Amino acid sequence: WLFSEIPAEERAGLTPFSVPRFHRTL
């Protein structure tokens, strides 16, 4: 994903973040 507020014209030229996520229950 990318920060949602980045303008569309800039987002088009960016590689989305690659974020490892290790979800755990509460």
mmCIF file of all heavy atoms, coordinates in Angstrom:
data_MODEL
# 
_entry.id   MODEL 
# 
loop_
_atom_site.group_PDB 
_atom_site.id 
_atom_site.type_symbol 
_atom_site.label_atom_id 
_atom_site.label_alt_id 
_atom_site.label_comp_id 
_atom_site.label_asym_id 
_atom_site.label_entity_id 
_atom_site.label_seq_id 
_atom_site.pdbx_PDB_ins_code 
_atom_site.Cartn_x 
_atom_site.Cartn_y 
_atom_site.Cartn_z 
_atom_site.occupancy 
_atom_site.B_iso_or_equiv 
_atom_site.pdbx_formal_charge 
_atom_site.auth_seq_id 
_atom_site.auth_comp_id 
_atom_site.auth_asym_id 
_atom_site.auth_atom_id 
_atom_site.pdbx_PDB_model_num 
ATOM 1   N N   . TRP A 1 1  ? 0.836  -1.186  0.000   1.00 0.00 ? 1  TRP A N   1 
ATOM 2   C CA  . TRP A 1 1  ? 0.000  0.000   0.000   1.00 0.00 ? 1  TRP A CA  1 
ATOM 3   C C   . TRP A 1 1  ? 0.881  1.250   0.000   1.00 0.00 ? 1  TRP A C   1 
ATOM 4   O O   . TRP A 1 1  ? 2.099  1.172   0.149   1.00 0.00 ? 1  TRP A O   1 
ATOM 5   C CB  . TRP A 1 1  ? -0.927 0.013   1.225   1.00 0.00 ? 1  TRP A CB  1 
ATOM 6   C CG  . TRP A 1 1  ? -0.255 -0.269  2.539   1.00 0.00 ? 1  TRP A CG  1 
ATOM 7   C CD1 . TRP A 1 1  ? -0.023 -1.492  3.097   1.00 0.00 ? 1  TRP A CD1 1 
ATOM 8   C CD2 . TRP A 1 1  ? 0.304  0.692   3.447   1.00 0.00 ? 1  TRP A CD2 1 
ATOM 9   N NE1 . TRP A 1 1  ? 0.625  -1.357  4.298   1.00 0.00 ? 1  TRP A NE1 1 
ATOM 10  C CE2 . TRP A 1 1  ? 0.829  -0.029  4.543   1.00 0.00 ? 1  TRP A CE2 1 
ATOM 11  C CE3 . TRP A 1 1  ? 0.384  2.085   3.454   1.00 0.00 ? 1  TRP A CE3 1 
ATOM 12  C CZ2 . TRP A 1 1  ? 1.462  0.606   5.617   1.00 0.00 ? 1  TRP A CZ2 1 
ATOM 13  C CZ3 . TRP A 1 1  ? 0.997  2.728   4.522   1.00 0.00 ? 1  TRP A CZ3 1 
ATOM 14  C CH2 . TRP A 1 1  ? 1.522  1.977   5.591   1.00 0.00 ? 1  TRP A CH2 1 
ATOM 15  N N   . LEU A 1 2  ? 0.248  2.392   -0.189  1.00 0.00 ? 2  LEU A N   1 
ATOM 16  C CA  . LEU A 1 2  ? 0.894  3.694   -0.056  1.00 0.00 ? 2  LEU A CA  1 
ATOM 17  C C   . LEU A 1 2  ? 0.019  4.570   0.829   1.00 0.00 ? 2  LEU A C   1 
ATOM 18  O O   . LEU A 1 2  ? -1.162 4.281   1.032   1.00 0.00 ? 2  LEU A O   1 
ATOM 19  C CB  . LEU A 1 2  ? 1.062  4.358   -1.430  1.00 0.00 ? 2  LEU A CB  1 
ATOM 20  C CG  . LEU A 1 2  ? 2.136  3.784   -2.356  1.00 0.00 ? 2  LEU A CG  1 
ATOM 21  C CD1 . LEU A 1 2  ? 1.957  4.320   -3.776  1.00 0.00 ? 2  LEU A CD1 1 
ATOM 22  C CD2 . LEU A 1 2  ? 3.546  4.128   -1.846  1.00 0.00 ? 2  LEU A CD2 1 
ATOM 23  N N   . PHE A 1 3  ? 0.571  5.633   1.351   1.00 0.00 ? 3  PHE A N   1 
ATOM 24  C CA  . PHE A 1 3  ? -0.239 6.580   2.102   1.00 0.00 ? 3  PHE A CA  1 
ATOM 25  C C   . PHE A 1 3  ? -1.384 7.054   1.211   1.00 0.00 ? 3  PHE A C   1 
ATOM 26  O O   . PHE A 1 3  ? -1.165 7.520   0.091   1.00 0.00 ? 3  PHE A O   1 
ATOM 27  C CB  . PHE A 1 3  ? 0.594  7.777   2.553   1.00 0.00 ? 3  PHE A CB  1 
ATOM 28  C CG  . PHE A 1 3  ? 1.738  7.427   3.467   1.00 0.00 ? 3  PHE A CG  1 
ATOM 29  C CD1 . PHE A 1 3  ? 3.007  7.927   3.231   1.00 0.00 ? 3  PHE A CD1 1 
ATOM 30  C CD2 . PHE A 1 3  ? 1.541  6.611   4.573   1.00 0.00 ? 3  PHE A CD2 1 
ATOM 31  C CE1 . PHE A 1 3  ? 4.066  7.622   4.064   1.00 0.00 ? 3  PHE A CE1 1 
ATOM 32  C CE2 . PHE A 1 3  ? 2.600  6.287   5.419   1.00 0.00 ? 3  PHE A CE2 1 
ATOM 33  C CZ  . PHE A 1 3  ? 3.863  6.800   5.159   1.00 0.00 ? 3  PHE A CZ  1 
ATOM 34  N N   . SER A 1 4  ? -2.597 6.957   1.717   1.00 0.00 ? 4  SER A N   1 
ATOM 35  C CA  . SER A 1 4  ? -3.773 7.214   0.885   1.00 0.00 ? 4  SER A CA  1 
ATOM 36  C C   . SER A 1 4  ? -3.880 8.659   0.435   1.00 0.00 ? 4  SER A C   1 
ATOM 37  O O   . SER A 1 4  ? -4.536 8.950   -0.570  1.00 0.00 ? 4  SER A O   1 
ATOM 38  C CB  . SER A 1 4  ? -5.045 6.819   1.638   1.00 0.00 ? 4  SER A CB  1 
ATOM 39  O OG  . SER A 1 4  ? -5.184 7.570   2.827   1.00 0.00 ? 4  SER A OG  1 
ATOM 40  N N   . GLU A 1 5  ? -3.236 9.573   1.145   1.00 0.00 ? 5  GLU A N   1 
ATOM 41  C CA  . GLU A 1 5  ? -3.364 10.990  0.813   1.00 0.00 ? 5  GLU A CA  1 
ATOM 42  C C   . GLU A 1 5  ? -2.359 11.464  -0.229  1.00 0.00 ? 5  GLU A C   1 
ATOM 43  O O   . GLU A 1 5  ? -2.403 12.628  -0.649  1.00 0.00 ? 5  GLU A O   1 
ATOM 44  C CB  . GLU A 1 5  ? -3.215 11.834  2.084   1.00 0.00 ? 5  GLU A CB  1 
ATOM 45  C CG  . GLU A 1 5  ? -4.331 11.604  3.106   1.00 0.00 ? 5  GLU A CG  1 
ATOM 46  C CD  . GLU A 1 5  ? -5.684 11.999  2.564   1.00 0.00 ? 5  GLU A CD  1 
ATOM 47  O OE1 . GLU A 1 5  ? -5.979 13.198  2.498   1.00 0.00 ? 5  GLU A OE1 1 
ATOM 48  O OE2 . GLU A 1 5  ? -6.448 11.080  2.192   1.00 0.00 ? 5  GLU A OE2 1 
ATOM 49  N N   . ILE A 1 6  ? -1.453 10.595  -0.674  1.00 0.00 ? 6  ILE A N   1 
ATOM 50  C CA  . ILE A 1 6  ? -0.535 10.991  -1.752  1.00 0.00 ? 6  ILE A CA  1 
ATOM 51  C C   . ILE A 1 6  ? -1.351 11.249  -3.008  1.00 0.00 ? 6  ILE A C   1 
ATOM 52  O O   . ILE A 1 6  ? -2.184 10.430  -3.388  1.00 0.00 ? 6  ILE A O   1 
ATOM 53  C CB  . ILE A 1 6  ? 0.516  9.892   -2.014  1.00 0.00 ? 6  ILE A CB  1 
ATOM 54  C CG1 . ILE A 1 6  ? 1.396  9.687   -0.769  1.00 0.00 ? 6  ILE A CG1 1 
ATOM 55  C CG2 . ILE A 1 6  ? 1.390  10.244  -3.219  1.00 0.00 ? 6  ILE A CG2 1 
ATOM 56  C CD1 . ILE A 1 6  ? 2.379  8.534   -0.900  1.00 0.00 ? 6  ILE A CD1 1 
ATOM 57  N N   . PRO A 1 7  ? -1.163 12.384  -3.686  1.00 0.00 ? 7  PRO A N   1 
ATOM 58  C CA  . PRO A 1 7  ? -1.946 12.695  -4.887  1.00 0.00 ? 7  PRO A CA  1 
ATOM 59  C C   . PRO A 1 7  ? -1.829 11.598  -5.939  1.00 0.00 ? 7  PRO A C   1 
ATOM 60  O O   . PRO A 1 7  ? -0.771 10.981  -6.101  1.00 0.00 ? 7  PRO A O   1 
ATOM 61  C CB  . PRO A 1 7  ? -1.330 14.009  -5.383  1.00 0.00 ? 7  PRO A CB  1 
ATOM 62  C CG  . PRO A 1 7  ? -0.716 14.629  -4.160  1.00 0.00 ? 7  PRO A CG  1 
ATOM 63  C CD  . PRO A 1 7  ? -0.231 13.471  -3.329  1.00 0.00 ? 7  PRO A CD  1 
ATOM 64  N N   . ALA A 1 8  ? -2.930 11.381  -6.653  1.00 0.00 ? 8  ALA A N   1 
ATOM 65  C CA  . ALA A 1 8  ? -2.999 10.286  -7.634  1.00 0.00 ? 8  ALA A CA  1 
ATOM 66  C C   . ALA A 1 8  ? -1.900 10.383  -8.673  1.00 0.00 ? 8  ALA A C   1 
ATOM 67  O O   . ALA A 1 8  ? -1.327 9.366   -9.083  1.00 0.00 ? 8  ALA A O   1 
ATOM 68  C CB  . ALA A 1 8  ? -4.375 10.279  -8.302  1.00 0.00 ? 8  ALA A CB  1 
ATOM 69  N N   . GLU A 1 9  ? -1.581 11.604  -9.115  1.00 0.00 ? 9  GLU A N   1 
ATOM 70  C CA  . GLU A 1 9  ? -0.569 11.750  -10.154 1.00 0.00 ? 9  GLU A CA  1 
ATOM 71  C C   . GLU A 1 9  ? 0.812  11.345  -9.665  1.00 0.00 ? 9  GLU A C   1 
ATOM 72  O O   . GLU A 1 9  ? 1.661  10.905  -10.452 1.00 0.00 ? 9  GLU A O   1 
ATOM 73  C CB  . GLU A 1 9  ? -0.542 13.181  -10.686 1.00 0.00 ? 9  GLU A CB  1 
ATOM 74  C CG  . GLU A 1 9  ? -0.217 14.259  -9.669  1.00 0.00 ? 9  GLU A CG  1 
ATOM 75  C CD  . GLU A 1 9  ? -1.447 14.770  -8.923  1.00 0.00 ? 9  GLU A CD  1 
ATOM 76  O OE1 . GLU A 1 9  ? -2.494 14.094  -8.945  1.00 0.00 ? 9  GLU A OE1 1 
ATOM 77  O OE2 . GLU A 1 9  ? -1.337 15.857  -8.319  1.00 0.00 ? 9  GLU A OE2 1 
ATOM 78  N N   . GLU A 1 10 ? 1.060  11.469  -8.360  1.00 0.00 ? 10 GLU A N   1 
ATOM 79  C CA  . GLU A 1 10 ? 2.334  11.028  -7.804  1.00 0.00 ? 10 GLU A CA  1 
ATOM 80  C C   . GLU A 1 10 ? 2.315  9.536   -7.499  1.00 0.00 ? 10 GLU A C   1 
ATOM 81  O O   . GLU A 1 10 ? 3.318  8.846   -7.686  1.00 0.00 ? 10 GLU A O   1 
ATOM 82  C CB  . GLU A 1 10 ? 2.665  11.821  -6.538  1.00 0.00 ? 10 GLU A CB  1 
ATOM 83  C CG  . GLU A 1 10 ? 2.965  13.289  -6.788  1.00 0.00 ? 10 GLU A CG  1 
ATOM 84  C CD  . GLU A 1 10 ? 3.474  13.979  -5.539  1.00 0.00 ? 10 GLU A CD  1 
ATOM 85  O OE1 . GLU A 1 10 ? 4.466  13.506  -4.959  1.00 0.00 ? 10 GLU A OE1 1 
ATOM 86  O OE2 . GLU A 1 10 ? 2.859  14.987  -5.145  1.00 0.00 ? 10 GLU A OE2 1 
ATOM 87  N N   . ARG A 1 11 ? 1.191  9.046   -7.010  1.00 0.00 ? 11 ARG A N   1 
ATOM 88  C CA  . ARG A 1 11 ? 1.069  7.627   -6.685  1.00 0.00 ? 11 ARG A CA  1 
ATOM 89  C C   . ARG A 1 11 ? 1.368  6.749   -7.891  1.00 0.00 ? 11 ARG A C   1 
ATOM 90  O O   . ARG A 1 11 ? 1.941  5.664   -7.766  1.00 0.00 ? 11 ARG A O   1 
ATOM 91  C CB  . ARG A 1 11 ? -0.340 7.323   -6.187  1.00 0.00 ? 11 ARG A CB  1 
ATOM 92  C CG  . ARG A 1 11 ? -0.692 7.934   -4.862  1.00 0.00 ? 11 ARG A CG  1 
ATOM 93  C CD  . ARG A 1 11 ? -2.180 7.776   -4.563  1.00 0.00 ? 11 ARG A CD  1 
ATOM 94  N NE  . ARG A 1 11 ? -2.553 6.390   -4.393  1.00 0.00 ? 11 ARG A NE  1 
ATOM 95  C CZ  . ARG A 1 11 ? -2.496 5.734   -3.246  1.00 0.00 ? 11 ARG A CZ  1 
ATOM 96  N NH1 . ARG A 1 11 ? -2.078 6.365   -2.161  1.00 0.00 ? 11 ARG A NH1 1 
ATOM 97  N NH2 . ARG A 1 11 ? -2.860 4.470   -3.160  1.00 0.00 ? 11 ARG A NH2 1 
ATOM 98  N N   . ALA A 1 12 ? 0.967  7.215   -9.087  1.00 0.00 ? 12 ALA A N   1 
ATOM 99  C CA  . ALA A 1 12 ? 1.129  6.411   -10.296 1.00 0.00 ? 12 ALA A CA  1 
ATOM 100 C C   . ALA A 1 12 ? 2.585  6.060   -10.565 1.00 0.00 ? 12 ALA A C   1 
ATOM 101 O O   . ALA A 1 12 ? 2.882  5.024   -11.170 1.00 0.00 ? 12 ALA A O   1 
ATOM 102 C CB  . ALA A 1 12 ? 0.532  7.152   -11.490 1.00 0.00 ? 12 ALA A CB  1 
ATOM 103 N N   . GLY A 1 13 ? 3.506  6.892   -10.102 1.00 0.00 ? 13 GLY A N   1 
ATOM 104 C CA  . GLY A 1 13 ? 4.914  6.646   -10.365 1.00 0.00 ? 13 GLY A CA  1 
ATOM 105 C C   . GLY A 1 13 ? 5.667  6.013   -9.217  1.00 0.00 ? 13 GLY A C   1 
ATOM 106 O O   . GLY A 1 13 ? 6.894  5.884   -9.278  1.00 0.00 ? 13 GLY A O   1 
ATOM 107 N N   . LEU A 1 14 ? 4.942  5.611   -8.160  1.00 0.00 ? 14 LEU A N   1 
ATOM 108 C CA  . LEU A 1 14 ? 5.583  5.066   -6.972  1.00 0.00 ? 14 LEU A CA  1 
ATOM 109 C C   . LEU A 1 14 ? 5.361  3.561   -6.854  1.00 0.00 ? 14 LEU A C   1 
ATOM 110 O O   . LEU A 1 14 ? 4.301  3.054   -7.229  1.00 0.00 ? 14 LEU A O   1 
ATOM 111 C CB  . LEU A 1 14 ? 5.040  5.743   -5.716  1.00 0.00 ? 14 LEU A CB  1 
ATOM 112 C CG  . LEU A 1 14 ? 5.289  7.247   -5.576  1.00 0.00 ? 14 LEU A CG  1 
ATOM 113 C CD1 . LEU A 1 14 ? 4.570  7.789   -4.343  1.00 0.00 ? 14 LEU A CD1 1 
ATOM 114 C CD2 . LEU A 1 14 ? 6.777  7.542   -5.499  1.00 0.00 ? 14 LEU A CD2 1 
ATOM 115 N N   . THR A 1 15 ? 6.356  2.878   -6.331  1.00 0.00 ? 15 THR A N   1 
ATOM 116 C CA  . THR A 1 15 ? 6.209  1.462   -5.998  1.00 0.00 ? 15 THR A CA  1 
ATOM 117 C C   . THR A 1 15 ? 5.568  1.358   -4.619  1.00 0.00 ? 15 THR A C   1 
ATOM 118 O O   . THR A 1 15 ? 6.043  1.983   -3.665  1.00 0.00 ? 15 THR A O   1 
ATOM 119 C CB  . THR A 1 15 ? 7.572  0.760   -5.966  1.00 0.00 ? 15 THR A CB  1 
ATOM 120 O OG1 . THR A 1 15 ? 8.187  0.884   -7.243  1.00 0.00 ? 15 THR A OG1 1 
ATOM 121 C CG2 . THR A 1 15 ? 7.419  -0.713  -5.605  1.00 0.00 ? 15 THR A CG2 1 
ATOM 122 N N   . PRO A 1 16 ? 4.470  0.622   -4.473  1.00 0.00 ? 16 PRO A N   1 
ATOM 123 C CA  . PRO A 1 16 ? 3.833  0.504   -3.156  1.00 0.00 ? 16 PRO A CA  1 
ATOM 124 C C   . PRO A 1 16 ? 4.802  -0.027  -2.102  1.00 0.00 ? 16 PRO A C   1 
ATOM 125 O O   . PRO A 1 16 ? 5.734  -0.785  -2.405  1.00 0.00 ? 16 PRO A O   1 
ATOM 126 C CB  . PRO A 1 16 ? 2.692  -0.488  -3.411  1.00 0.00 ? 16 PRO A CB  1 
ATOM 127 C CG  . PRO A 1 16 ? 2.388  -0.338  -4.863  1.00 0.00 ? 16 PRO A CG  1 
ATOM 128 C CD  . PRO A 1 16 ? 3.718  -0.091  -5.522  1.00 0.00 ? 16 PRO A CD  1 
ATOM 129 N N   . PHE A 1 17 ? 4.585  0.391   -0.869  1.00 0.00 ? 17 PHE A N   1 
ATOM 130 C CA  . PHE A 1 17 ? 5.353  -0.155  0.235   1.00 0.00 ? 17 PHE A CA  1 
ATOM 131 C C   . PHE A 1 17 ? 5.142  -1.667  0.306   1.00 0.00 ? 17 PHE A C   1 
ATOM 132 O O   . PHE A 1 17 ? 4.072  -2.175  -0.018  1.00 0.00 ? 17 PHE A O   1 
ATOM 133 C CB  . PHE A 1 17 ? 4.904  0.445   1.569   1.00 0.00 ? 17 PHE A CB  1 
ATOM 134 C CG  . PHE A 1 17 ? 5.033  1.933   1.659   1.00 0.00 ? 17 PHE A CG  1 
ATOM 135 C CD1 . PHE A 1 17 ? 3.986  2.699   2.155   1.00 0.00 ? 17 PHE A CD1 1 
ATOM 136 C CD2 . PHE A 1 17 ? 6.186  2.584   1.248   1.00 0.00 ? 17 PHE A CD2 1 
ATOM 137 C CE1 . PHE A 1 17 ? 4.085  4.069   2.254   1.00 0.00 ? 17 PHE A CE1 1 
ATOM 138 C CE2 . PHE A 1 17 ? 6.300  3.957   1.340   1.00 0.00 ? 17 PHE A CE2 1 
ATOM 139 C CZ  . PHE A 1 17 ? 5.240  4.705   1.832   1.00 0.00 ? 17 PHE A CZ  1 
ATOM 140 N N   . SER A 1 18 ? 6.180  -2.363  0.736   1.00 0.00 ? 18 SER A N   1 
ATOM 141 C CA  . SER A 1 18 ? 6.124  -3.807  0.945   1.00 0.00 ? 18 SER A CA  1 
ATOM 142 C C   . SER A 1 18 ? 6.309  -4.054  2.439   1.00 0.00 ? 18 SER A C   1 
ATOM 143 O O   . SER A 1 18 ? 7.429  -4.014  2.948   1.00 0.00 ? 18 SER A O   1 
ATOM 144 C CB  . SER A 1 18 ? 7.229  -4.486  0.127   1.00 0.00 ? 18 SER A CB  1 
ATOM 145 O OG  . SER A 1 18 ? 7.273  -5.858  0.361   1.00 0.00 ? 18 SER A OG  1 
ATOM 146 N N   . VAL A 1 19 ? 5.188  -4.252  3.137   1.00 0.00 ? 19 VAL A N   1 
ATOM 147 C CA  . VAL A 1 19 ? 5.197  -4.221  4.599   1.00 0.00 ? 19 VAL A CA  1 
ATOM 148 C C   . VAL A 1 19 ? 4.959  -5.617  5.178   1.00 0.00 ? 19 VAL A C   1 
ATOM 149 O O   . VAL A 1 19 ? 3.854  -6.159  5.068   1.00 0.00 ? 19 VAL A O   1 
ATOM 150 C CB  . VAL A 1 19 ? 4.122  -3.250  5.123   1.00 0.00 ? 19 VAL A CB  1 
ATOM 151 C CG1 . VAL A 1 19 ? 4.121  -3.233  6.652   1.00 0.00 ? 19 VAL A CG1 1 
ATOM 152 C CG2 . VAL A 1 19 ? 4.348  -1.855  4.564   1.00 0.00 ? 19 VAL A CG2 1 
ATOM 153 N N   . PRO A 1 20 ? 5.974  -6.213  5.814   1.00 0.00 ? 20 PRO A N   1 
ATOM 154 C CA  . PRO A 1 20 ? 5.744  -7.487  6.507   1.00 0.00 ? 20 PRO A CA  1 
ATOM 155 C C   . PRO A 1 20 ? 4.796  -7.254  7.679   1.00 0.00 ? 20 PRO A C   1 
ATOM 156 O O   . PRO A 1 20 ? 4.934  -6.282  8.417   1.00 0.00 ? 20 PRO A O   1 
ATOM 157 C CB  . PRO A 1 20 ? 7.137  -7.878  7.010   1.00 0.00 ? 20 PRO A CB  1 
ATOM 158 C CG  . PRO A 1 20 ? 8.092  -7.033  6.229   1.00 0.00 ? 20 PRO A CG  1 
ATOM 159 C CD  . PRO A 1 20 ? 7.363  -5.772  5.919   1.00 0.00 ? 20 PRO A CD  1 
ATOM 160 N N   . ARG A 1 21 ? 3.836  -8.146  7.835   1.00 0.00 ? 21 ARG A N   1 
ATOM 161 C CA  . ARG A 1 21 ? 2.886  -7.983  8.930   1.00 0.00 ? 21 ARG A CA  1 
ATOM 162 C C   . ARG A 1 21 ? 2.649  -9.318  9.610   1.00 0.00 ? 21 ARG A C   1 
ATOM 163 O O   . ARG A 1 21 ? 2.444  -10.331 8.949   1.00 0.00 ? 21 ARG A O   1 
ATOM 164 C CB  . ARG A 1 21 ? 1.564  -7.419  8.422   1.00 0.00 ? 21 ARG A CB  1 
ATOM 165 C CG  . ARG A 1 21 ? 0.587  -7.168  9.572   1.00 0.00 ? 21 ARG A CG  1 
ATOM 166 C CD  . ARG A 1 21 ? -0.642 -6.426  9.153   1.00 0.00 ? 21 ARG A CD  1 
ATOM 167 N NE  . ARG A 1 21 ? -1.606 -6.444  10.248  1.00 0.00 ? 21 ARG A NE  1 
ATOM 168 C CZ  . ARG A 1 21 ? -2.907 -6.336  10.101  1.00 0.00 ? 21 ARG A CZ  1 
ATOM 169 N NH1 . ARG A 1 21 ? -3.416 -6.177  8.900   1.00 0.00 ? 21 ARG A NH1 1 
ATOM 170 N NH2 . ARG A 1 21 ? -3.696 -6.373  11.138  1.00 0.00 ? 21 ARG A NH2 1 
ATOM 171 N N   . PHE A 1 22 ? 2.709  -9.270  10.933  1.00 0.00 ? 22 PHE A N   1 
ATOM 172 C CA  . PHE A 1 22 ? 2.583  -10.472 11.740  1.00 0.00 ? 22 PHE A CA  1 
ATOM 173 C C   . PHE A 1 22 ? 1.430  -10.258 12.728  1.00 0.00 ? 22 PHE A C   1 
ATOM 174 O O   . PHE A 1 22 ? 1.637  -9.921  13.890  1.00 0.00 ? 22 PHE A O   1 
ATOM 175 C CB  . PHE A 1 22 ? 3.906  -10.756 12.450  1.00 0.00 ? 22 PHE A CB  1 
ATOM 176 C CG  . PHE A 1 22 ? 5.074  -10.809 11.492  1.00 0.00 ? 22 PHE A CG  1 
ATOM 177 C CD1 . PHE A 1 22 ? 5.881  -9.697  11.294  1.00 0.00 ? 22 PHE A CD1 1 
ATOM 178 C CD2 . PHE A 1 22 ? 5.322  -11.948 10.745  1.00 0.00 ? 22 PHE A CD2 1 
ATOM 179 C CE1 . PHE A 1 22 ? 6.936  -9.732  10.395  1.00 0.00 ? 22 PHE A CE1 1 
ATOM 180 C CE2 . PHE A 1 22 ? 6.376  -11.993 9.835   1.00 0.00 ? 22 PHE A CE2 1 
ATOM 181 C CZ  . PHE A 1 22 ? 7.182  -10.885 9.660   1.00 0.00 ? 22 PHE A CZ  1 
ATOM 182 N N   . HIS A 1 23 ? 0.227  -10.412 12.205  1.00 0.00 ? 23 HIS A N   1 
ATOM 183 C CA  . HIS A 1 23 ? -0.978 -10.205 13.008  1.00 0.00 ? 23 HIS A CA  1 
ATOM 184 C C   . HIS A 1 23 ? -1.056 -11.226 14.130  1.00 0.00 ? 23 HIS A C   1 
ATOM 185 O O   . HIS A 1 23 ? -0.777 -12.417 13.939  1.00 0.00 ? 23 HIS A O   1 
ATOM 186 C CB  . HIS A 1 23 ? -2.221 -10.335 12.113  1.00 0.00 ? 23 HIS A CB  1 
ATOM 187 C CG  . HIS A 1 23 ? -3.503 -10.468 12.872  1.00 0.00 ? 23 HIS A CG  1 
ATOM 188 N ND1 . HIS A 1 23 ? -4.080 -9.420  13.552  1.00 0.00 ? 23 HIS A ND1 1 
ATOM 189 C CD2 . HIS A 1 23 ? -4.321 -11.544 13.088  1.00 0.00 ? 23 HIS A CD2 1 
ATOM 190 C CE1 . HIS A 1 23 ? -5.197 -9.830  14.132  1.00 0.00 ? 23 HIS A CE1 1 
ATOM 191 N NE2 . HIS A 1 23 ? -5.369 -11.109 13.872  1.00 0.00 ? 23 HIS A NE2 1 
ATOM 192 N N   . ARG A 1 24 ? -1.416 -10.744 15.310  1.00 0.00 ? 24 ARG A N   1 
ATOM 193 C CA  . ARG A 1 24 ? -1.661 -11.609 16.453  1.00 0.00 ? 24 ARG A CA  1 
ATOM 194 C C   . ARG A 1 24 ? -3.003 -11.211 17.070  1.00 0.00 ? 24 ARG A C   1 
ATOM 195 O O   . ARG A 1 24 ? -3.375 -10.038 17.074  1.00 0.00 ? 24 ARG A O   1 
ATOM 196 C CB  . ARG A 1 24 ? -0.557 -11.459 17.515  1.00 0.00 ? 24 ARG A CB  1 
ATOM 197 C CG  . ARG A 1 24 ? 0.862  -11.679 16.982  1.00 0.00 ? 24 ARG A CG  1 
ATOM 198 C CD  . ARG A 1 24 ? 1.121  -13.129 16.614  1.00 0.00 ? 24 ARG A CD  1 
ATOM 199 N NE  . ARG A 1 24 ? 2.492  -13.335 16.144  1.00 0.00 ? 24 ARG A NE  1 
ATOM 200 C CZ  . ARG A 1 24 ? 2.832  -13.555 14.878  1.00 0.00 ? 24 ARG A CZ  1 
ATOM 201 N NH1 . ARG A 1 24 ? 1.886  -13.607 13.937  1.00 0.00 ? 24 ARG A NH1 1 
ATOM 202 N NH2 . ARG A 1 24 ? 4.088  -13.736 14.532  1.00 0.00 ? 24 ARG A NH2 1 
ATOM 203 N N   . THR A 1 25 ? -3.730 -12.180 17.600  1.00 0.00 ? 25 THR A N   1 
ATOM 204 C CA  . THR A 1 25 ? -4.988 -11.864 18.273  1.00 0.00 ? 25 THR A CA  1 
ATOM 205 C C   . THR A 1 25 ? -4.699 -11.093 19.558  1.00 0.00 ? 25 THR A C   1 
ATOM 206 O O   . THR A 1 25 ? -3.559 -11.073 20.061  1.00 0.00 ? 25 THR A O   1 
ATOM 207 C CB  . THR A 1 25 ? -5.760 -13.139 18.620  1.00 0.00 ? 25 THR A CB  1 
ATOM 208 O OG1 . THR A 1 25 ? -5.018 -13.876 19.611  1.00 0.00 ? 25 THR A OG1 1 
ATOM 209 C CG2 . THR A 1 25 ? -6.014 -14.006 17.389  1.00 0.00 ? 25 THR A CG2 1 
ATOM 210 N N   . LEU A 1 26 ? -5.729 -10.482 20.113  1.00 0.00 ? 26 LEU A N   1 
ATOM 211 C CA  . LEU A 1 26 ? -5.562 -9.770  21.379  1.00 0.00 ? 26 LEU A CA  1 
ATOM 212 C C   . LEU A 1 26 ? -5.121 -10.741 22.477  1.00 0.00 ? 26 LEU A C   1 
ATOM 213 O O   . LEU A 1 26 ? -4.272 -10.407 23.312  1.00 0.00 ? 26 LEU A O   1 
ATOM 214 C CB  . LEU A 1 26 ? -6.874 -9.078  21.764  1.00 0.00 ? 26 LEU A CB  1 
ATOM 215 C CG  . LEU A 1 26 ? -6.833 -8.204  23.018  1.00 0.00 ? 26 LEU A CG  1 
ATOM 216 C CD1 . LEU A 1 26 ? -5.807 -7.095  22.891  1.00 0.00 ? 26 LEU A CD1 1 
ATOM 217 C CD2 . LEU A 1 26 ? -8.216 -7.624  23.303  1.00 0.00 ? 26 LEU A CD2 1 
# 
